[in-house]
Protein backbone atom coordinates (compact mmCIF):
# COMPACT_ATOMS: atom_id res chain seq x y z
CA MET A 1 -0.08 -0.18 0.01
CA ASN A 2 2.96 2.33 0.55
CA ALA A 3 4.14 1.93 -2.51
CA LEU A 4 0.94 3.14 -4.35
CA ARG A 5 0.90 6.08 -1.97
CA LEU A 6 4.21 7.07 -3.23
CA LEU A 7 2.91 6.22 -6.52
CA ALA A 8 -0.06 8.84 -6.31
CA VAL A 9 1.58 11.85 -5.20
CA PRO A 10 3.73 11.95 -8.64
CA ALA A 11 0.59 10.84 -11.12
CA ALA A 12 -1.11 13.55 -9.54
CA ALA A 13 1.77 16.17 -9.92
CA LEU A 14 2.38 15.22 -13.46
CA ALA A 15 -1.10 15.09 -14.00
CA LEU A 16 -1.68 19.13 -12.84
CA THR A 17 1.64 19.77 -14.59
CA LEU A 18 -0.17 18.22 -17.79
CA SER A 19 -3.42 20.33 -17.71
CA ALA A 20 -1.70 23.51 -17.41
CA ALA A 21 0.14 22.68 -20.58
CA THR A 22 -2.35 21.98 -22.44
CA ALA A 23 -4.92 25.20 -20.82
CA ALA A 24 -6.32 27.16 -23.72
CA PRO A 25 -3.58 30.13 -24.64
CA ALA A 26 -5.21 33.48 -23.63
CA ALA A 27 -7.30 35.34 -26.09
CA PRO A 28 -5.05 37.74 -27.94
CA ALA A 29 -6.13 41.69 -26.69
CA ALA A 30 -8.29 43.63 -29.51
CA ALA A 31 -6.31 45.45 -32.08
CA PRO A 32 -6.23 48.89 -31.10
CA ASN A 33 -7.64 51.55 -33.53
CA PRO A 34 -5.11 53.33 -35.61
CA ALA A 35 -3.76 56.59 -34.59
CA PRO A 36 -5.17 59.39 -36.30
CA ALA A 37 -3.67 59.91 -39.74
CA THR A 38 -3.91 62.77 -42.60
CA VAL A 39 -5.34 62.04 -45.50
CA THR A 40 -4.15 64.33 -48.50
CA ILE A 41 -6.12 64.91 -51.43
CA SER A 42 -4.80 66.39 -54.50
CA GLY A 43 -7.02 67.80 -58.00
CA ALA A 44 -5.43 64.35 -59.27
CA ASP A 45 -7.43 62.38 -57.33
CA GLY A 46 -10.94 63.36 -58.77
CA GLY A 47 -12.86 60.78 -59.59
CA THR A 48 -11.06 58.18 -57.10
CA THR A 49 -11.69 56.20 -54.03
CA VAL A 50 -9.57 57.01 -50.75
CA GLN A 51 -9.54 55.14 -47.13
CA ALA A 52 -9.78 56.86 -44.26
CA HIS A 53 -10.49 56.13 -40.28
CA VAL A 54 -13.04 57.97 -38.04
CA GLY A 55 -10.40 60.62 -36.05
CA ASP A 56 -8.49 60.88 -39.00
CA THR A 57 -7.91 64.31 -40.82
CA VAL A 58 -8.84 64.99 -44.98
CA GLN A 59 -6.94 67.48 -46.42
CA VAL A 60 -7.87 68.53 -50.13
CA GLU A 61 -5.93 71.27 -52.27
CA ILE A 62 -6.99 71.51 -55.81
CA LEU A 63 -4.54 73.78 -57.84
CA ALA A 64 -5.95 75.78 -61.18
CA VAL A 65 -5.82 74.48 -63.93
CA ARG A 66 -4.23 76.68 -67.13
CA ASP A 67 -5.52 75.15 -70.85
CA TYR A 68 -4.68 77.32 -73.56
CA THR A 69 -6.49 80.67 -73.12
CA VAL A 70 -8.28 79.79 -70.20
CA THR A 71 -7.75 78.73 -66.44
CA TRP A 72 -10.00 76.47 -64.81
CA TYR A 73 -10.79 77.93 -61.16
CA TRP A 74 -12.01 75.46 -58.42
CA TYR A 75 -14.68 76.59 -55.86
CA ALA A 76 -17.64 74.96 -53.84
CA LEU A 77 -15.15 72.90 -51.99
CA GLY A 78 -17.25 70.86 -50.09
CA THR A 79 -19.03 67.77 -48.52
CA PRO A 80 -22.59 66.18 -49.36
CA THR A 81 -22.94 64.15 -46.37
CA PRO A 82 -21.40 66.44 -43.32
CA ALA A 83 -22.59 63.37 -40.88
CA LEU A 84 -19.15 61.71 -41.79
CA LEU A 85 -17.07 64.30 -42.88
CA SER A 86 -17.23 67.69 -40.88
CA GLN A 87 -15.55 70.52 -42.82
CA THR A 88 -13.65 72.55 -40.68
CA ALA A 89 -11.68 75.06 -42.63
CA GLY A 90 -11.73 75.90 -46.55
CA SER A 91 -10.84 78.49 -48.59
CA ALA A 92 -11.08 79.55 -52.78
CA GLU A 93 -8.03 81.70 -53.53
CA PRO A 94 -8.26 84.61 -55.98
CA ASN A 95 -5.85 82.31 -58.30
CA GLY A 96 -8.53 79.44 -58.40
CA ASP A 97 -7.02 76.58 -56.04
CA SER A 98 -8.95 75.99 -53.39
CA HIS A 99 -7.90 74.01 -50.36
CA GLY A 100 -10.45 72.17 -47.75
CA THR A 101 -9.90 70.16 -44.11
CA PHE A 102 -12.40 67.85 -43.43
CA SER A 103 -12.64 65.65 -40.02
CA VAL A 104 -13.78 62.02 -40.36
CA THR A 105 -16.15 61.97 -37.91
CA ALA A 106 -18.45 58.37 -38.78
CA ALA A 107 -17.89 55.35 -40.85
CA GLY A 108 -19.10 54.77 -44.10
CA THR A 109 -18.98 56.52 -47.34
CA ALA A 110 -18.56 60.15 -47.55
CA ALA A 111 -17.64 62.35 -50.74
CA ILE A 112 -15.96 65.74 -51.00
CA THR A 113 -16.83 68.02 -54.06
CA ALA A 114 -16.00 70.97 -55.75
CA ILE A 115 -16.56 72.96 -59.05
CA GLY A 116 -14.45 73.97 -61.64
CA ARG A 117 -15.33 77.01 -63.93
CA CYS A 118 -13.57 78.49 -66.86
CA VAL A 119 -12.33 82.21 -66.25
CA PRO A 120 -10.93 83.18 -69.85
CA ASP A 121 -8.43 85.24 -71.24
CA ARG A 122 -9.16 88.57 -72.66
CA GLY A 123 -10.40 87.89 -75.99
CA ALA A 124 -11.14 84.26 -75.63
CA VAL A 125 -14.35 82.55 -74.91
CA CYS A 126 -15.12 79.67 -72.44
CA PRO A 127 -16.90 76.08 -73.04
CA PRO A 128 -20.44 76.00 -71.94
CA TRP A 129 -19.91 73.78 -68.93
CA VAL A 130 -18.53 73.07 -65.57
CA ILE A 131 -16.26 70.81 -64.28
CA ASN A 132 -17.56 68.53 -61.50
CA TRP A 133 -14.93 67.24 -59.22
CA LYS A 134 -15.56 64.09 -56.29
CA VAL A 135 -13.82 62.03 -54.11
CA THR A 136 -15.26 59.03 -52.55
CA VAL A 137 -14.14 58.83 -48.74
CA GLN A 138 -14.66 55.38 -47.67
CA VAL A 139 -14.53 55.35 -43.74
CA SER A 140 -13.90 52.04 -41.21
C-alpha cells in the first residue's frame, strides 16, 4: 500500500503539470484603433476612392488648371455628407486654387466635391460647361 501512496503523489503532480500545459491560451488583445492620420487629396485624385478612419483629418488641395487661353478655377469645395465628414476649414484663392480640411467623424461612404469653372483670357471664350470634381472617401 505504501508503494501505491508513493506513486499517487507523482501521478497527481504530473496530471496538474499536463493540464496547465494544455490549457487554452489567453485570447489575443483586440487590435487598437489606428492613430489618427492625415489623408491628403489633390486635384489629380478626382474620380477615385480613398480610405480613411474615424478620427483622421482629410486635407484637400485642388490647384487651378491652365488650358491654352483659359484657366479652370475651383470653388464650392465641400461635402454632401456632413454626418461623416465635418468641414473645419476651406478657402478659394484668387488664383483659382481651392483648399479644405475635413474631420472624419463617422464610418460609411462619404464624398468631397468641388466645381471647376472656366475663366477666359481677354478675347477668349470658355466652353459652356463646368467641371464636377468628386472624391469618394470610404471611412472605417
